[in-house]
Amino acid sequence: MDIRVNGKSETVPSGSTVDAVLAVKGLDPALISVEHNGRILEKSDLAGTALKDGDELESLFFMGGGEMIRHSDPGFFPSMEECIGIGWQGE
């Protein structure tokens, strides 16, 4: 059966579930959210969601980090170069 995973065509066995595809790809469900045919799945639904030919899966990784930049002018938005340190001296 052919599905799309993160935009790429993949062939999986008939009757595969979302959690089985994640396991084969080495993706930890605790670290991602999964979109199935445009709908975000609850973690509790991963094992019970059977895939059909033509289905689409997207794995969404959430990342945090970085540093908040403050400036006295609320309309000021630094350029990317300034954010990464090229010419940005901060306050």
C-alpha atoms as a PDB file:
ATOM      1  CA  MET A   1       0.000   0.000   0.000  1.00  0.00           C
ATOM      2  CA  ASP A   2       1.344   3.453  -0.899  1.00  0.00           C
ATOM      3  CA  ILE A   3       1.189   6.392   1.512  1.00  0.00           C
ATOM      4  CA  ARG A   4       3.044   9.696   1.865  1.00  0.00           C
ATOM      5  CA  VAL A   5       5.190  10.317   4.933  1.00  0.00           C
ATOM      6  CA  ASN A   6       6.487  13.841   5.375  1.00  0.00           C
ATOM      7  CA  GLY A   7       5.860  14.511   1.704  1.00  0.00           C
ATOM      8  CA  LYS A   8       7.627  11.402   0.385  1.00  0.00           C
ATOM      9  CA  SER A   9       6.020   8.323  -1.149  1.00  0.00           C
ATOM     10  CA  GLU A  10       6.455   5.168   0.917  1.00  0.00           C
ATOM     11  CA  THR A  11       5.196   1.627   0.572  1.00  0.00           C
ATOM     12  CA  VAL A  12       3.953  -0.008   3.776  1.00  0.00           C
ATOM     13  CA  PRO A  13       2.234  -3.344   4.420  1.00  0.00           C
ATOM     14  CA  SER A  14      -1.560  -3.351   4.194  1.00  0.00           C
ATOM     15  CA  GLY A  15      -3.157  -2.903   7.583  1.00  0.00           C
ATOM     16  CA  SER A  16      -0.262  -0.797   8.954  1.00  0.00           C
ATOM     17  CA  THR A  17      -1.091   1.580  11.776  1.00  0.00           C
ATOM     18  CA  VAL A  18       0.348   5.003  12.442  1.00  0.00           C
ATOM     19  CA  ASP A  19       2.366   3.790  15.439  1.00  0.00           C
ATOM     20  CA  ALA A  20       3.870   0.949  13.342  1.00  0.00           C
ATOM     21  CA  VAL A  21       5.094   3.424  10.725  1.00  0.00           C
ATOM     22  CA  LEU A  22       6.572   5.636  13.455  1.00  0.00           C
ATOM     23  CA  ALA A  23       8.386   2.639  14.953  1.00  0.00           C
ATOM     24  CA  VAL A  24       9.884   1.643  11.601  1.00  0.00           C
ATOM     25  CA  LYS A  25      11.059   5.228  11.055  1.00  0.00           C
ATOM     26  CA  GLY A  26      12.538   5.392  14.576  1.00  0.00           C
ATOM     27  CA  LEU A  27      10.272   8.260  15.634  1.00  0.00           C
ATOM     28  CA  ASP A  28       9.346   8.477  19.307  1.00  0.00           C
ATOM     29  CA  PRO A  29       5.646   9.391  19.623  1.00  0.00           C
ATOM     30  CA  ALA A  30       6.403  11.127  22.925  1.00  0.00           C
ATOM     31  CA  LEU A  31       8.542  13.698  21.076  1.00  0.00           C
ATOM     32  CA  ILE A  32       6.322  14.499  18.106  1.00  0.00           C
ATOM     33  CA  SER A  33       2.791  15.200  17.016  1.00  0.00           C
ATOM     34  CA  VAL A  34       1.390  13.341  14.044  1.00  0.00           C
ATOM     35  CA  GLU A  35      -0.919  14.718  11.393  1.00  0.00           C
ATOM     36  CA  HIS A  36      -2.961  12.109   9.501  1.00  0.00           C
ATOM     37  CA  ASN A  37      -4.682  13.384   6.366  1.00  0.00           C
ATOM     38  CA  GLY A  38      -4.638  16.928   7.716  1.00  0.00           C
ATOM     39  CA  ARG A  39      -5.846  16.095  11.257  1.00  0.00           C
ATOM     40  CA  ILE A  40      -3.623  16.061  14.342  1.00  0.00           C
ATOM     41  CA  LEU A  41      -3.962  12.701  16.100  1.00  0.00           C
ATOM     42  CA  GLU A  42      -4.147  12.231  19.840  1.00  0.00           C
ATOM     43  CA  LYS A  43      -1.266  10.091  21.121  1.00  0.00           C
ATOM     44  CA  SER A  44      -3.857   7.558  22.325  1.00  0.00           C
ATOM     45  CA  ASP A  45      -5.106   7.160  18.725  1.00  0.00           C
ATOM     46  CA  LEU A  46      -1.764   6.264  17.106  1.00  0.00           C
ATOM     47  CA  ALA A  47      -2.048   2.500  17.654  1.00  0.00           C
ATOM     48  CA  GLY A  48      -5.667   2.308  16.553  1.00  0.00           C
ATOM     49  CA  THR A  49      -5.408   4.400  13.405  1.00  0.00           C
ATOM     50  CA  ALA A  50      -5.133   2.031  10.451  1.00  0.00           C
ATOM     51  CA  LEU A  51      -3.695   3.476   7.274  1.00  0.00           C
ATOM     52  CA  LYS A  52      -5.281   3.212   3.842  1.00  0.00           C
ATOM     53  CA  ASP A  53      -3.760   3.514   0.396  1.00  0.00           C
ATOM     54  CA  GLY A  54      -3.123   7.189  -0.387  1.00  0.00           C
ATOM     55  CA  ASP A  55      -3.090   8.389   3.243  1.00  0.00           C
ATOM     56  CA  GLU A  56      -0.710  11.160   4.256  1.00  0.00           C
ATOM     57  CA  LEU A  57       1.270  11.418   7.494  1.00  0.00           C
ATOM     58  CA  GLU A  58       3.293  14.359   8.715  1.00  0.00           C
ATOM     59  CA  SER A  59       5.454  14.250  11.829  1.00  0.00           C
ATOM     60  CA  LEU A  60       5.693  17.568  13.617  1.00  0.00           C
ATOM     61  CA  PHE A  61       8.637  18.280  15.875  1.00  0.00           C
ATOM     62  CA  PHE A  62       8.329  21.142  18.318  1.00  0.00           C
ATOM     63  CA  MET A  63      11.489  23.005  19.135  1.00  0.00           C
ATOM     64  CA  GLY A  64      12.207  25.599  21.750  1.00  0.00           C
ATOM     65  CA  GLY A  65      15.131  27.667  22.717  1.00  0.00           C
ATOM     66  CA  GLY A  66      16.810  30.816  21.642  1.00  0.00           C
ATOM     67  CA  GLU A  67      17.013  34.104  23.389  1.00  0.00           C
ATOM     68  CA  MET A  68      14.402  36.802  23.622  1.00  0.00           C
ATOM     69  CA  ILE A  69      15.667  40.118  22.306  1.00  0.00           C
ATOM     70  CA  ARG A  70      14.288  43.240  23.946  1.00  0.00           C
ATOM     71  CA  HIS A  71      14.400  46.751  22.600  1.00  0.00           C
ATOM     72  CA  SER A  72      12.971  49.980  23.958  1.00  0.00           C
ATOM     73  CA  ASP A  73      11.083  50.694  20.708  1.00  0.00           C
ATOM     74  CA  PRO A  74       8.130  48.267  20.475  1.00  0.00           C
ATOM     75  CA  GLY A  75       8.092  48.699  16.666  1.00  0.00           C
ATOM     76  CA  PHE A  76      11.713  47.540  16.370  1.00  0.00           C
ATOM     77  CA  PHE A  77      12.335  44.104  14.896  1.00  0.00           C
ATOM     78  CA  PRO A  78      16.008  43.193  14.406  1.00  0.00           C
ATOM     79  CA  SER A  79      17.173  41.582  11.178  1.00  0.00           C
ATOM     80  CA  MET A  80      18.259  37.937  11.109  1.00  0.00           C
ATOM     81  CA  GLU A  81      21.905  39.063  10.999  1.00  0.00           C
ATOM     82  CA  GLU A  82      21.359  41.078  14.140  1.00  0.00           C
ATOM     83  CA  CYS A  83      19.623  38.185  15.856  1.00  0.00           C
ATOM     84  CA  ILE A  84      22.512  35.827  15.220  1.00  0.00           C
ATOM     85  CA  GLY A  85      25.117  38.323  16.298  1.00  0.00           C
ATOM     86  CA  ILE A  86      26.392  40.043  13.181  1.00  0.00           C
ATOM     87  CA  GLY A  87      26.456  43.674  14.212  1.00  0.00           C
ATOM     88  CA  TRP A  88      24.018  43.158  17.094  1.00  0.00           C
ATOM     89  CA  GLN A  89      25.333  44.523  20.353  1.00  0.00           C
ATOM     90  CA  GLY A  90      22.190  44.174  22.400  1.00  0.00           C
ATOM     91  CA  GLU A  91      21.270  46.694  25.055  1.00  0.00           C
END
